[in-house]
Amino acid sequence: KDLQLQVWDMMTTHWRYPPLLPAKLHSTNVVFICYDSTDRQSFMSCRDMFTEVLEHGRDDVIIGLIATKCDLVDKREVSADKGAAFAAELSSVLPSGVVQFTETSSKTGAGVEQAAAKAARHIARRPSAQAAPDAPLAPPPRRRILKELCTLM
């Protein structure tokens, strides 16, 4: 089975055109929340993006937590263990129960194809893969999820 993946830089869109983010998230199957492993502050901002995805995304959205610049080992401020633990923590409050963690490097290409392949496999396996992206969705128990997320902060 062939899958076509479209990749959008949502944060650039979000900062330039904030009203577009909720509409895009509602019809998105996969969201990669990326942070710079050499910048602790970028890691800390992932929680805010996760909250945006919970508020506006599909119930069955697949989320990937992506650490970038994993090739810069000597400059690393966020360990792989910390990223994996955070992904597990976020998985506990996600309706689909899965936040995938992958380390990547744009410079070497490490992990980039792996992250896309993981997401594609999840999309292909789920029953909702056959549904149209704009099919009406039942609203998730967002208040409960957001409440649980706040307790993790």
C-alpha atoms as a PDB file:
ATOM      1  CA  LYS A   1       0.000   0.000   0.000  1.00  0.00           C
ATOM      2  CA  ASP A   2       1.402   3.399  -0.988  1.00  0.00           C
ATOM      3  CA  LEU A   3       0.998   6.422   1.257  1.00  0.00           C
ATOM      4  CA  GLN A   4       1.618   9.990   0.237  1.00  0.00           C
ATOM      5  CA  LEU A   5       2.986  12.157   3.020  1.00  0.00           C
ATOM      6  CA  GLN A   6       2.704  15.926   2.868  1.00  0.00           C
ATOM      7  CA  VAL A   7       4.983  17.827   5.211  1.00  0.00           C
ATOM      8  CA  TRP A   8       4.094  21.293   6.492  1.00  0.00           C
ATOM      9  CA  ASP A   9       6.107  23.553   8.785  1.00  0.00           C
ATOM     10  CA  MET A  10       3.252  24.402  11.123  1.00  0.00           C
ATOM     11  CA  MET A  11       5.190  26.623  13.496  1.00  0.00           C
ATOM     12  CA  THR A  12       6.206  29.004  10.730  1.00  0.00           C
ATOM     13  CA  THR A  13       2.566  29.092   9.636  1.00  0.00           C
ATOM     14  CA  HIS A  14       1.441  29.512  13.243  1.00  0.00           C
ATOM     15  CA  TRP A  15       3.633  32.543  13.881  1.00  0.00           C
ATOM     16  CA  ARG A  16       2.765  34.212  10.581  1.00  0.00           C
ATOM     17  CA  TYR A  17      -0.923  33.243  10.403  1.00  0.00           C
ATOM     18  CA  PRO A  18      -2.122  32.061  13.863  1.00  0.00           C
ATOM     19  CA  PRO A  19      -5.744  31.397  12.776  1.00  0.00           C
ATOM     20  CA  LEU A  20      -4.595  28.739  10.269  1.00  0.00           C
ATOM     21  CA  LEU A  21      -3.080  26.376  12.838  1.00  0.00           C
ATOM     22  CA  PRO A  22      -6.344  24.980  14.326  1.00  0.00           C
ATOM     23  CA  ALA A  23      -7.801  24.275  10.865  1.00  0.00           C
ATOM     24  CA  LYS A  24      -4.628  22.533   9.695  1.00  0.00           C
ATOM     25  CA  LEU A  25      -4.330  20.479  12.880  1.00  0.00           C
ATOM     26  CA  HIS A  26      -7.941  19.300  12.581  1.00  0.00           C
ATOM     27  CA  SER A  27      -7.207  17.580   9.277  1.00  0.00           C
ATOM     28  CA  THR A  28      -3.680  16.355  10.058  1.00  0.00           C
ATOM     29  CA  ASN A  29      -2.903  12.681  10.629  1.00  0.00           C
ATOM     30  CA  VAL A  30       0.643  13.129  11.944  1.00  0.00           C
ATOM     31  CA  VAL A  31       2.291  15.936  13.879  1.00  0.00           C
ATOM     32  CA  PHE A  32       6.027  16.043  14.482  1.00  0.00           C
ATOM     33  CA  ILE A  33       6.860  18.267  17.419  1.00  0.00           C
ATOM     34  CA  CYS A  34      10.533  19.084  16.956  1.00  0.00           C
ATOM     35  CA  TYR A  35      13.058  20.536  19.351  1.00  0.00           C
ATOM     36  CA  ASP A  36      16.745  21.358  19.152  1.00  0.00           C
ATOM     37  CA  SER A  37      18.659  18.932  21.416  1.00  0.00           C
ATOM     38  CA  THR A  38      21.300  21.651  21.906  1.00  0.00           C
ATOM     39  CA  ASP A  39      18.725  24.139  23.237  1.00  0.00           C
ATOM     40  CA  ARG A  40      16.883  23.297  26.457  1.00  0.00           C
ATOM     41  CA  GLN A  41      14.376  26.144  25.925  1.00  0.00           C
ATOM     42  CA  SER A  42      13.185  24.665  22.620  1.00  0.00           C
ATOM     43  CA  PHE A  43      12.600  21.364  24.459  1.00  0.00           C
ATOM     44  CA  MET A  44      10.559  23.146  27.128  1.00  0.00           C
ATOM     45  CA  SER A  45       8.321  24.754  24.472  1.00  0.00           C
ATOM     46  CA  CYS A  46       7.242  21.318  23.185  1.00  0.00           C
ATOM     47  CA  ARG A  47       4.599  21.092  25.909  1.00  0.00           C
ATOM     48  CA  ASP A  48       2.854  24.182  24.502  1.00  0.00           C
ATOM     49  CA  MET A  49       2.727  22.686  21.007  1.00  0.00           C
ATOM     50  CA  PHE A  50       1.460  19.393  22.438  1.00  0.00           C
ATOM     51  CA  THR A  51      -1.375  21.335  24.100  1.00  0.00           C
ATOM     52  CA  GLU A  52      -2.217  22.968  20.734  1.00  0.00           C
ATOM     53  CA  VAL A  53      -2.391  19.533  19.113  1.00  0.00           C
ATOM     54  CA  LEU A  54      -4.689  18.243  21.868  1.00  0.00           C
ATOM     55  CA  GLU A  55      -6.968  21.257  21.576  1.00  0.00           C
ATOM     56  CA  HIS A  56      -7.278  21.330  17.791  1.00  0.00           C
ATOM     57  CA  GLY A  57      -6.066  18.000  16.440  1.00  0.00           C
ATOM     58  CA  ARG A  58      -7.830  14.798  15.504  1.00  0.00           C
ATOM     59  CA  ASP A  59      -8.545  12.191  18.182  1.00  0.00           C
ATOM     60  CA  ASP A  60      -6.398   9.668  16.342  1.00  0.00           C
ATOM     61  CA  VAL A  61      -3.498  11.998  15.533  1.00  0.00           C
ATOM     62  CA  ILE A  62      -0.079  10.395  15.595  1.00  0.00           C
ATOM     63  CA  ILE A  63       2.483  12.535  17.382  1.00  0.00           C
ATOM     64  CA  GLY A  64       6.210  12.267  16.955  1.00  0.00           C
ATOM     65  CA  LEU A  65       8.541  14.005  19.367  1.00  0.00           C
ATOM     66  CA  ILE A  66      11.639  14.708  17.306  1.00  0.00           C
ATOM     67  CA  ALA A  67      15.014  15.716  18.732  1.00  0.00           C
ATOM     68  CA  THR A  68      17.099  17.491  16.093  1.00  0.00           C
ATOM     69  CA  LYS A  69      20.851  18.071  15.887  1.00  0.00           C
ATOM     70  CA  CYS A  70      21.654  14.721  17.513  1.00  0.00           C
ATOM     71  CA  ASP A  71      25.032  14.839  15.755  1.00  0.00           C
ATOM     72  CA  LEU A  72      26.161  17.738  17.989  1.00  0.00           C
ATOM     73  CA  VAL A  73      26.905  15.513  20.983  1.00  0.00           C
ATOM     74  CA  ASP A  74      29.301  17.950  22.671  1.00  0.00           C
ATOM     75  CA  LYS A  75      26.694  20.756  22.585  1.00  0.00           C
ATOM     76  CA  ARG A  76      23.729  18.656  23.735  1.00  0.00           C
ATOM     77  CA  GLU A  77      21.554  20.151  26.488  1.00  0.00           C
ATOM     78  CA  VAL A  78      18.733  17.567  26.353  1.00  0.00           C
ATOM     79  CA  SER A  79      19.647  13.890  26.620  1.00  0.00           C
ATOM     80  CA  ALA A  80      17.987  11.166  24.553  1.00  0.00           C
ATOM     81  CA  ASP A  81      16.732   9.626  27.808  1.00  0.00           C
ATOM     82  CA  LYS A  82      15.048  12.916  28.760  1.00  0.00           C
ATOM     83  CA  GLY A  83      13.341  13.124  25.346  1.00  0.00           C
ATOM     84  CA  ALA A  84      12.174   9.492  25.486  1.00  0.00           C
ATOM     85  CA  ALA A  85      10.863   9.962  29.043  1.00  0.00           C
ATOM     86  CA  PHE A  86       8.951  13.078  27.981  1.00  0.00           C
ATOM     87  CA  ALA A  87       7.407  11.194  25.038  1.00  0.00           C
ATOM     88  CA  ALA A  88       6.291   8.428  27.414  1.00  0.00           C
ATOM     89  CA  GLU A  89       4.836  11.024  29.784  1.00  0.00           C
ATOM     90  CA  LEU A  90       2.879  12.659  26.952  1.00  0.00           C
ATOM     91  CA  SER A  91       1.681   9.235  25.731  1.00  0.00           C
ATOM     92  CA  SER A  92      -0.049   8.719  29.072  1.00  0.00           C
ATOM     93  CA  VAL A  93      -2.508  11.565  28.359  1.00  0.00           C
ATOM     94  CA  LEU A  94      -2.978  11.129  24.612  1.00  0.00           C
ATOM     95  CA  PRO A  95      -6.212   9.413  23.503  1.00  0.00           C
ATOM     96  CA  SER A  96      -4.330   7.235  21.004  1.00  0.00           C
ATOM     97  CA  GLY A  97      -1.702   6.559  23.662  1.00  0.00           C
ATOM     98  CA  VAL A  98       1.320   6.928  21.394  1.00  0.00           C
ATOM     99  CA  VAL A  99       3.928   9.663  21.175  1.00  0.00           C
ATOM    100  CA  GLN A 100       6.867   8.351  19.158  1.00  0.00           C
ATOM    101  CA  PHE A 101      10.346   9.610  20.003  1.00  0.00           C
ATOM    102  CA  THR A 102      13.107   9.837  17.405  1.00  0.00           C
ATOM    103  CA  GLU A 103      16.472  11.568  17.347  1.00  0.00           C
ATOM    104  CA  THR A 104      17.469  13.104  14.033  1.00  0.00           C
ATOM    105  CA  SER A 105      20.218  15.031  12.329  1.00  0.00           C
ATOM    106  CA  SER A 106      19.616  17.127   9.243  1.00  0.00           C
ATOM    107  CA  LYS A 107      23.359  17.235   8.690  1.00  0.00           C
ATOM    108  CA  THR A 108      23.881  13.449   8.589  1.00  0.00           C
ATOM    109  CA  GLY A 109      20.326  12.390   7.754  1.00  0.00           C
ATOM    110  CA  ALA A 110      20.209  10.108  10.799  1.00  0.00           C
ATOM    111  CA  GLY A 111      16.705   9.259  11.979  1.00  0.00           C
ATOM    112  CA  VAL A 112      14.852  11.352   9.383  1.00  0.00           C
ATOM    113  CA  GLU A 113      13.562   8.462   7.276  1.00  0.00           C
ATOM    114  CA  GLN A 114      12.982   6.402  10.422  1.00  0.00           C
ATOM    115  CA  ALA A 115      10.625   9.047  11.846  1.00  0.00           C
ATOM    116  CA  ALA A 116       8.608   9.251   8.614  1.00  0.00           C
ATOM    117  CA  ALA A 117       8.503   5.448   8.253  1.00  0.00           C
ATOM    118  CA  LYS A 118       7.220   4.996  11.840  1.00  0.00           C
ATOM    119  CA  ALA A 119       4.418   7.474  11.204  1.00  0.00           C
ATOM    120  CA  ALA A 120       3.505   5.913   7.856  1.00  0.00           C
ATOM    121  CA  ARG A 121       3.334   2.421   9.428  1.00  0.00           C
ATOM    122  CA  HIS A 122       0.985   3.700  12.145  1.00  0.00           C
ATOM    123  CA  ILE A 123      -1.260   5.392   9.580  1.00  0.00           C
ATOM    124  CA  ALA A 124      -1.425   2.273   7.412  1.00  0.00           C
ATOM    125  CA  ARG A 125      -2.296   0.015  10.366  1.00  0.00           C
ATOM    126  CA  ARG A 126      -5.141   1.980  11.863  1.00  0.00           C
ATOM    127  CA  PRO A 127      -8.758   1.495  10.790  1.00  0.00           C
ATOM    128  CA  SER A 128      -9.346   5.231  10.413  1.00  0.00           C
ATOM    129  CA  ALA A 129      -6.751   5.345   7.608  1.00  0.00           C
ATOM    130  CA  GLN A 130      -9.584   4.606   5.206  1.00  0.00           C
ATOM    131  CA  ALA A 131     -11.650   7.577   6.403  1.00  0.00           C
ATOM    132  CA  ALA A 132     -11.562  10.872   4.567  1.00  0.00           C
ATOM    133  CA  PRO A 133      -9.364  13.433   6.351  1.00  0.00           C
ATOM    134  CA  ASP A 134     -12.278  15.836   6.674  1.00  0.00           C
ATOM    135  CA  ALA A 135     -14.692  13.226   8.069  1.00  0.00           C
ATOM    136  CA  PRO A 136     -16.538  14.504  11.151  1.00  0.00           C
ATOM    137  CA  LEU A 137     -14.844  13.464  14.364  1.00  0.00           C
ATOM    138  CA  ALA A 138     -16.314  12.923  17.795  1.00  0.00           C
ATOM    139  CA  PRO A 139     -14.824  15.449  20.171  1.00  0.00           C
ATOM    140  CA  PRO A 140     -12.303  13.912  22.582  1.00  0.00           C
ATOM    141  CA  PRO A 141     -12.530  14.365  26.347  1.00  0.00           C
ATOM    142  CA  ARG A 142     -10.293  17.423  25.989  1.00  0.00           C
ATOM    143  CA  ARG A 143     -10.885  18.897  29.437  1.00  0.00           C
ATOM    144  CA  ARG A 144      -9.791  15.652  31.109  1.00  0.00           C
ATOM    145  CA  ILE A 145      -6.736  15.382  28.871  1.00  0.00           C
ATOM    146  CA  LEU A 146      -5.694  18.997  29.348  1.00  0.00           C
ATOM    147  CA  LYS A 147      -6.209  18.653  33.103  1.00  0.00           C
ATOM    148  CA  GLU A 148      -3.936  15.598  33.136  1.00  0.00           C
ATOM    149  CA  LEU A 149      -1.380  17.436  31.026  1.00  0.00           C
ATOM    150  CA  CYS A 150      -1.346  20.344  33.495  1.00  0.00           C
ATOM    151  CA  THR A 151      -0.620  17.943  36.345  1.00  0.00           C
ATOM    152  CA  LEU A 152       2.442  16.697  34.416  1.00  0.00           C
ATOM    153  CA  MET A 153       3.894  20.214  34.179  1.00  0.00           C
END
